[in-house]
Amino acid sequence: MKEAMFYERLEEDAVRCHLCPHECKIKESRRGICGVRENQAGVLYSLVYGKVVAEAIDPIEKKPLFHFYPGSSVYSLATVGCNFRCRNCQNYDISQMPKDKKRIMGEEKSPEEIVEIATHYNCRSIAYTYVEPTIFFEFAYDTAKLAHQAGICNIFVSNGYTTEEAIRTLAPYLDAVNVDLKSLSEELYHTNCGGHVQPVLDAIKLYKRLSIWVEVTTLVIPTLNDTEEEFRGIAEFIKDVGVDIPWHISQFYPTYKLMDLPRTPVSTLRTARNIGLEVGLRYVYEGNVPGEGNENTYCYHCGTLLIRRYGFQVLENILSEDAKCPNCGTPLDGVFCGSAQP
């Protein structure tokens, strides 16, 4: 347990949390929407500092990040809790645990231990992921600073529901982010996630302005966000922020509270990808459908196949040492070996 960052004290021992756009007013002995920030006698505490409930050594492509040290390993970790309540959450057992079961669990690990593990397994990066990492901000922040000292990059896999103050505080130590942009629909964010869309759009823009490498993922859920109008709107938004932002369009499979919906047809993903390319995005990928052929990276100028993948595995990478297309010399957008270190 550690005193939280980003809060103010109010009357009668209440506090206002400013970590995420929920801006929860939390009475004494109560917790915020995330379930892991508790007011104890007028002081807000993080209940999950150092409590790692999930961890793995992953390929960077699994985050997914396709333009950030492709083929490298990343140490992924999470605590319990989340500031969303997505009905399609694949990690609901840990993301919703503090709210559903009022339980805080996890193995005690210090920031120093996290960096030691990443170093031991030759991980290029540490990813704060599986649940919304904003809710364990203090732990991620302390770890990220130590990671940079050790030459290790930091990655957020995020729903984008983070305040500007928190993003700017973390930015000097954050190297890449994948933001889950679920829709442009306020109604979908409200009914399916318990949040609002505008803060997510603002976060994506801010990460880009702060020169953090950004990739965006959209999980395509049948009947909820699978129209051509939706695809075009998301693609145009991403293009306005930066044509170099990779867009990952992922297949939904039935889970949690949406067991009654079918898997997303591959043809729908293909339609979304084609729309993204038509709008002008340079890199659009289909996710959760390994072997379908649209997980490869091509030169946006001449079309040369640069990085060939199967699922999360890099099979071939013909980029030059300075990350350029060997055919036409066009630089590939992203962060690669030979790029500036953190």
Protein backbone atom coordinates (compact mmCIF):
# COMPACT_ATOMS: atom_id res chain seq x y z
CA MET A 1 0.00 0.00 0.00
CA LYS A 2 1.30 3.44 -0.90
CA GLU A 3 -0.13 6.94 -0.79
CA ALA A 4 -1.61 7.78 -4.16
CA MET A 5 -0.55 10.51 -6.53
CA PHE A 6 -3.01 12.90 -8.19
CA TYR A 7 -5.67 13.59 -5.56
CA GLU A 8 -6.97 16.44 -3.45
CA ARG A 9 -8.46 16.46 0.01
CA LEU A 10 -12.03 17.66 0.49
CA GLU A 11 -14.25 18.36 3.46
CA GLU A 12 -15.26 15.63 5.91
CA ASP A 13 -12.23 13.47 5.02
CA ALA A 14 -13.40 12.95 1.44
CA VAL A 15 -10.92 13.06 -1.45
CA ARG A 16 -11.08 13.69 -5.18
CA CYS A 17 -8.93 11.41 -7.36
CA HIS A 18 -7.45 13.02 -10.48
CA LEU A 19 -5.71 9.97 -11.94
CA CYS A 20 -8.33 9.15 -14.57
CA PRO A 21 -11.25 11.04 -16.14
CA HIS A 22 -13.75 9.48 -13.72
CA GLU A 23 -12.45 12.04 -11.19
CA CYS A 24 -13.98 9.98 -8.38
CA LYS A 25 -15.09 11.70 -5.20
CA ILE A 26 -14.27 9.08 -2.58
CA LYS A 27 -15.67 9.19 0.93
CA GLU A 28 -13.72 7.94 3.93
CA SER A 29 -13.27 4.12 3.91
CA ARG A 30 -14.54 3.91 0.32
CA ARG A 31 -12.81 3.07 -2.96
CA GLY A 32 -12.90 4.60 -6.41
CA ILE A 33 -14.48 3.03 -9.48
CA CYS A 34 -11.26 1.12 -10.16
CA GLY A 35 -11.62 -0.70 -6.85
CA VAL A 36 -7.95 -0.29 -5.92
CA ARG A 37 -7.68 3.27 -4.60
CA GLU A 38 -9.04 3.70 -1.09
CA ASN A 39 -9.62 6.70 1.14
CA GLN A 40 -8.29 6.03 4.63
CA ALA A 41 -8.93 8.93 7.00
CA GLY A 42 -8.66 11.52 4.25
CA VAL A 43 -5.56 10.03 2.61
CA LEU A 44 -5.89 8.22 -0.73
CA TYR A 45 -3.89 5.01 -1.04
CA SER A 46 -3.06 2.64 -3.87
CA LEU A 47 -3.90 -0.84 -2.60
CA VAL A 48 -2.03 -2.62 -5.40
CA TYR A 49 1.45 -1.13 -5.19
CA GLY A 50 3.86 -4.00 -5.85
CA LYS A 51 1.12 -6.63 -5.95
CA VAL A 52 1.73 -8.45 -9.24
CA VAL A 53 -1.15 -10.77 -10.12
CA ALA A 54 -0.15 -11.62 -13.71
CA GLU A 55 3.21 -11.69 -15.47
CA ALA A 56 4.76 -13.22 -18.57
CA ILE A 57 7.62 -12.92 -21.00
CA ASP A 58 5.90 -12.05 -24.27
CA PRO A 59 6.89 -11.22 -27.83
CA ILE A 60 6.42 -7.50 -28.37
CA GLU A 61 3.98 -8.32 -31.18
CA LYS A 62 1.50 -9.66 -28.61
CA LYS A 63 0.85 -6.22 -27.09
CA PRO A 64 0.33 -5.59 -30.06
CA LEU A 65 3.23 -3.37 -31.10
CA PHE A 66 4.50 -4.08 -34.61
CA HIS A 67 6.72 -1.04 -35.09
CA PHE A 68 8.56 -1.00 -31.75
CA TYR A 69 11.64 -3.23 -31.69
CA PRO A 70 9.95 -6.02 -33.69
CA GLY A 71 10.95 -9.52 -32.64
CA SER A 72 12.07 -8.40 -29.17
CA SER A 73 10.89 -9.77 -25.82
CA VAL A 74 8.88 -7.81 -23.28
CA TYR A 75 8.22 -8.48 -19.61
CA SER A 76 4.48 -7.99 -19.14
CA LEU A 77 2.85 -7.46 -15.75
CA ALA A 78 -0.36 -6.36 -14.08
CA THR A 79 -2.11 -5.89 -10.76
CA VAL A 80 -5.82 -6.40 -10.19
CA GLY A 81 -8.31 -3.65 -10.97
CA CYS A 82 -9.49 -1.49 -13.86
CA ASN A 83 -11.26 1.83 -14.39
CA PHE A 84 -13.51 0.31 -17.08
CA ARG A 85 -16.03 -2.53 -16.85
CA CYS A 86 -15.99 -3.78 -20.44
CA ARG A 87 -18.51 -6.53 -21.11
CA ASN A 88 -16.03 -8.18 -23.48
CA CYS A 89 -13.00 -8.10 -21.15
CA GLN A 90 -10.84 -11.19 -21.64
CA ASN A 91 -9.06 -10.55 -18.32
CA TYR A 92 -12.20 -9.90 -16.29
CA ASP A 93 -11.08 -12.32 -13.57
CA ILE A 94 -8.36 -9.87 -12.52
CA SER A 95 -9.66 -6.56 -13.89
CA GLN A 96 -13.01 -6.78 -12.09
CA MET A 97 -11.89 -8.70 -9.00
CA PRO A 98 -11.67 -5.71 -6.62
CA LYS A 99 -15.17 -4.62 -7.65
CA ASP A 100 -16.87 -8.01 -7.88
CA LYS A 101 -15.18 -9.80 -4.99
CA LYS A 102 -13.67 -6.88 -3.07
CA ARG A 103 -10.36 -8.74 -3.09
CA ILE A 104 -6.85 -7.39 -3.54
CA MET A 105 -4.33 -10.08 -4.31
CA GLY A 106 -0.94 -10.46 -5.96
CA GLU A 107 2.65 -11.46 -5.31
CA GLU A 108 4.77 -8.78 -3.67
CA LYS A 109 7.41 -7.45 -6.06
CA SER A 110 9.38 -4.23 -5.83
CA PRO A 111 10.23 -2.01 -8.80
CA GLU A 112 13.82 -3.17 -8.40
CA GLU A 113 12.75 -6.80 -8.70
CA ILE A 114 10.71 -6.06 -11.82
CA VAL A 115 13.72 -4.50 -13.53
CA GLU A 116 15.93 -7.40 -12.42
CA ILE A 117 13.51 -9.90 -13.98
CA ALA A 118 13.38 -7.97 -17.24
CA THR A 119 17.17 -7.83 -17.32
CA HIS A 120 17.55 -11.53 -16.50
CA TYR A 121 15.33 -12.54 -19.42
CA ASN A 122 16.95 -10.07 -21.84
CA CYS A 123 13.72 -8.14 -22.30
CA ARG A 124 14.01 -4.96 -24.33
CA SER A 125 10.94 -3.54 -22.62
CA ILE A 126 8.56 -3.76 -19.67
CA ALA A 127 4.84 -3.63 -20.52
CA TYR A 128 2.24 -2.53 -18.01
CA THR A 129 -0.75 -4.37 -19.39
CA TYR A 130 -3.55 -6.99 -19.01
CA VAL A 131 -5.66 -4.48 -17.03
CA GLU A 132 -5.64 -0.70 -17.37
CA PRO A 133 -2.16 0.21 -16.08
CA THR A 134 -3.26 3.70 -15.07
CA ILE A 135 -4.86 2.20 -11.97
CA PHE A 136 -1.48 0.99 -10.69
CA PHE A 137 0.20 4.22 -11.73
CA GLU A 138 2.46 4.66 -8.71
CA PHE A 139 3.95 1.19 -9.11
CA ALA A 140 4.38 1.61 -12.87
CA TYR A 141 5.89 5.07 -12.45
CA ASP A 142 8.50 3.99 -9.92
CA THR A 143 9.36 0.93 -12.01
CA ALA A 144 9.56 2.91 -15.25
CA LYS A 145 12.13 5.31 -13.82
CA LEU A 146 14.37 2.44 -12.72
CA ALA A 147 13.87 0.67 -16.05
CA HIS A 148 15.16 3.67 -17.98
CA GLN A 149 18.22 3.80 -15.75
CA ALA A 150 18.86 0.18 -16.77
CA GLY A 151 18.35 0.91 -20.49
CA ILE A 152 14.97 -0.84 -20.62
CA CYS A 153 11.97 0.69 -22.41
CA ASN A 154 8.50 1.13 -20.92
CA ILE A 155 5.19 0.39 -22.61
CA PHE A 156 1.58 1.08 -21.62
CA VAL A 157 -1.15 -1.10 -23.13
CA SER A 158 -4.00 1.19 -22.25
CA ASN A 159 -7.66 2.00 -22.66
CA GLY A 160 -6.61 5.63 -22.87
CA TYR A 161 -8.64 6.63 -19.82
CA THR A 162 -5.94 8.69 -18.13
CA THR A 163 -5.81 12.38 -17.22
CA GLU A 164 -3.45 14.78 -18.95
CA GLU A 165 -1.60 15.40 -15.69
CA ALA A 166 -0.87 11.70 -15.25
CA ILE A 167 0.20 11.24 -18.87
CA ARG A 168 2.56 14.20 -18.73
CA THR A 169 4.07 12.94 -15.48
CA LEU A 170 4.80 9.50 -16.94
CA ALA A 171 5.83 10.71 -20.40
CA PRO A 172 9.58 11.16 -19.73
CA TYR A 173 9.79 7.45 -18.92
CA LEU A 174 7.25 6.05 -21.39
CA ASP A 175 8.51 4.91 -24.79
CA ALA A 176 5.47 3.36 -26.46
CA VAL A 177 1.75 2.97 -25.95
CA ASN A 178 -0.94 0.90 -27.58
CA VAL A 179 -4.32 2.50 -26.98
CA ASP A 180 -7.51 0.49 -27.32
CA LEU A 181 -9.90 2.73 -29.27
CA LYS A 182 -13.13 0.78 -29.01
CA SER A 183 -15.36 3.08 -31.02
CA LEU A 184 -16.20 6.69 -31.71
CA SER A 185 -19.61 6.13 -30.13
CA GLU A 186 -20.27 7.75 -26.78
CA GLU A 187 -23.16 5.33 -26.27
CA LEU A 188 -20.93 2.28 -26.73
CA TYR A 189 -18.37 3.61 -24.29
CA HIS A 190 -21.09 4.32 -21.76
CA THR A 191 -22.99 1.03 -22.05
CA ASN A 192 -20.14 -1.38 -22.78
CA CYS A 193 -17.29 0.13 -20.76
CA GLY A 194 -18.65 2.60 -18.23
CA GLY A 195 -16.68 5.53 -19.61
CA HIS A 196 -16.63 8.29 -22.22
CA VAL A 197 -14.96 8.42 -25.62
CA GLN A 198 -13.55 11.98 -25.67
CA PRO A 199 -10.89 11.44 -22.98
CA VAL A 200 -9.59 8.46 -24.97
CA LEU A 201 -9.32 10.53 -28.15
CA ASP A 202 -7.58 13.28 -26.19
CA ALA A 203 -5.11 10.81 -24.70
CA ILE A 204 -4.14 9.44 -28.12
CA LYS A 205 -3.49 12.96 -29.37
CA LEU A 206 -1.47 13.83 -26.28
CA TYR A 207 0.72 10.73 -26.45
CA LYS A 208 1.49 11.59 -30.06
CA ARG A 209 2.31 15.22 -29.25
CA LEU A 210 4.65 14.04 -26.50
CA SER A 211 6.63 11.98 -29.05
CA ILE A 212 5.71 8.64 -27.49
CA TRP A 213 5.40 5.89 -30.11
CA VAL A 214 1.66 5.21 -30.57
CA GLU A 215 -0.21 2.25 -32.03
CA VAL A 216 -3.99 1.86 -31.87
CA THR A 217 -6.09 -1.29 -31.53
CA THR A 218 -9.80 -1.68 -32.26
CA LEU A 219 -11.54 -4.90 -31.27
CA VAL A 220 -14.32 -5.37 -33.81
CA ILE A 221 -17.42 -6.70 -32.03
CA PRO A 222 -20.32 -7.90 -34.20
CA THR A 223 -23.41 -5.64 -33.93
CA LEU A 224 -21.60 -3.15 -31.67
CA ASN A 225 -18.89 -1.45 -33.74
CA ASP A 226 -18.64 -3.34 -37.04
CA THR A 227 -20.11 -0.91 -39.57
CA GLU A 228 -18.19 0.64 -42.45
CA GLU A 229 -19.15 4.06 -41.11
CA GLU A 230 -17.50 3.19 -37.78
CA PHE A 231 -14.34 1.91 -39.48
CA ARG A 232 -14.06 5.00 -41.64
CA GLY A 233 -14.55 7.34 -38.69
CA ILE A 234 -11.84 5.65 -36.62
CA ALA A 235 -9.44 5.55 -39.57
CA GLU A 236 -9.97 9.24 -40.30
CA PHE A 237 -9.40 10.12 -36.65
CA ILE A 238 -6.14 8.17 -36.58
CA LYS A 239 -5.02 9.76 -39.85
CA ASP A 240 -5.66 13.23 -38.43
CA VAL A 241 -3.42 12.39 -35.46
CA GLY A 242 -0.74 10.77 -37.62
CA VAL A 243 -0.72 8.66 -40.79
CA ASP A 244 2.26 6.78 -39.35
CA ILE A 245 0.20 5.33 -36.46
CA PRO A 246 -0.34 1.58 -37.03
CA TRP A 247 -3.95 0.45 -36.64
CA HIS A 248 -4.59 -3.07 -35.38
CA ILE A 249 -8.08 -4.39 -36.16
CA SER A 250 -8.67 -7.42 -33.95
CA GLN A 251 -11.13 -10.29 -34.07
CA PHE A 252 -13.59 -10.58 -31.19
CA TYR A 253 -14.38 -13.96 -29.69
CA PRO A 254 -17.22 -14.66 -27.23
CA THR A 255 -16.18 -13.95 -23.63
CA TYR A 256 -17.38 -12.66 -20.25
CA LYS A 257 -20.76 -10.93 -20.66
CA LEU A 258 -20.87 -11.13 -24.47
CA MET A 259 -20.94 -14.89 -24.84
CA ASP A 260 -24.03 -14.60 -27.04
CA LEU A 261 -22.18 -12.81 -29.85
CA PRO A 262 -20.27 -14.64 -32.61
CA ARG A 263 -16.63 -14.31 -33.58
CA THR A 264 -15.90 -11.48 -35.94
CA PRO A 265 -15.83 -12.74 -39.54
CA VAL A 266 -12.44 -12.37 -41.18
CA SER A 267 -14.22 -10.66 -44.06
CA THR A 268 -15.26 -7.86 -41.68
CA LEU A 269 -11.66 -7.35 -40.58
CA ARG A 270 -10.64 -7.28 -44.23
CA THR A 271 -13.24 -4.60 -44.94
CA ALA A 272 -11.96 -2.49 -42.05
CA ARG A 273 -8.36 -2.87 -43.21
CA ASN A 274 -9.22 -1.86 -46.75
CA ILE A 275 -11.05 1.21 -45.48
CA GLY A 276 -8.07 2.17 -43.32
CA LEU A 277 -5.72 1.96 -46.28
CA GLU A 278 -8.19 3.80 -48.50
CA VAL A 279 -8.42 6.63 -45.97
CA GLY A 280 -4.64 6.96 -46.09
CA LEU A 281 -3.21 5.08 -43.13
CA ARG A 282 0.20 3.58 -43.87
CA TYR A 283 -0.06 0.48 -41.71
CA VAL A 284 -3.22 -1.50 -40.98
CA TYR A 285 -3.13 -5.00 -39.48
CA GLU A 286 -5.66 -7.74 -38.84
CA GLY A 287 -5.30 -9.27 -35.38
CA ASN A 288 -6.22 -12.60 -33.75
CA VAL A 289 -6.30 -14.32 -37.16
CA PRO A 290 -2.78 -15.73 -37.63
CA GLY A 291 -1.88 -16.87 -41.11
CA GLU A 292 -4.49 -14.79 -42.91
CA GLY A 293 -1.74 -12.71 -44.50
CA ASN A 294 -2.46 -9.20 -43.22
CA GLU A 295 -0.12 -9.21 -40.23
CA ASN A 296 2.92 -8.35 -42.36
CA THR A 297 4.58 -4.95 -42.64
CA TYR A 298 5.03 -3.44 -46.10
CA CYS A 299 6.84 -0.35 -47.28
CA TYR A 300 4.11 2.26 -47.69
CA HIS A 301 5.99 3.79 -50.64
CA CYS A 302 6.84 0.84 -52.89
CA GLY A 303 4.94 -2.07 -51.32
CA THR A 304 7.98 -4.25 -50.55
CA LEU A 305 7.36 -6.88 -47.84
CA LEU A 306 9.63 -5.76 -44.99
CA ILE A 307 8.58 -7.83 -41.96
CA ARG A 308 6.85 -11.18 -42.42
CA ARG A 309 4.91 -12.52 -39.44
CA TYR A 310 2.83 -15.49 -38.41
CA GLY A 311 0.74 -14.51 -35.42
CA PHE A 312 3.14 -13.00 -32.89
CA GLN A 313 6.25 -14.50 -34.50
CA VAL A 314 8.56 -12.58 -36.82
CA LEU A 315 9.60 -14.96 -39.61
CA GLU A 316 11.64 -12.52 -41.67
CA ASN A 317 12.83 -8.93 -41.33
CA ILE A 318 14.68 -7.40 -44.28
CA LEU A 319 14.91 -3.83 -42.98
CA SER A 320 18.28 -2.19 -43.43
CA GLU A 321 20.31 -1.36 -40.32
CA ASP A 322 18.89 2.15 -40.34
CA ALA A 323 15.31 0.82 -40.63
CA LYS A 324 14.80 1.66 -44.29
CA CYS A 325 13.25 -0.27 -47.15
CA PRO A 326 16.10 -2.03 -48.99
CA ASN A 327 14.26 -1.54 -52.28
CA CYS A 328 13.47 2.18 -52.30
CA GLY A 329 15.19 3.57 -49.21
CA THR A 330 12.00 4.85 -47.55
CA PRO A 331 12.31 4.85 -43.72
CA LEU A 332 9.85 2.62 -41.88
CA ASP A 333 7.93 4.52 -39.22
CA GLY A 334 8.58 3.25 -35.71
CA VAL A 335 11.32 2.55 -33.19
CA PHE A 336 13.89 -0.02 -34.26
CA CYS A 337 17.38 -1.23 -33.45
CA GLY A 338 19.67 1.68 -34.11
CA SER A 339 17.04 4.19 -32.97
CA ALA A 340 17.67 6.45 -29.99
CA GLN A 341 17.75 4.59 -26.69
CA PRO A 342 15.59 5.62 -23.72
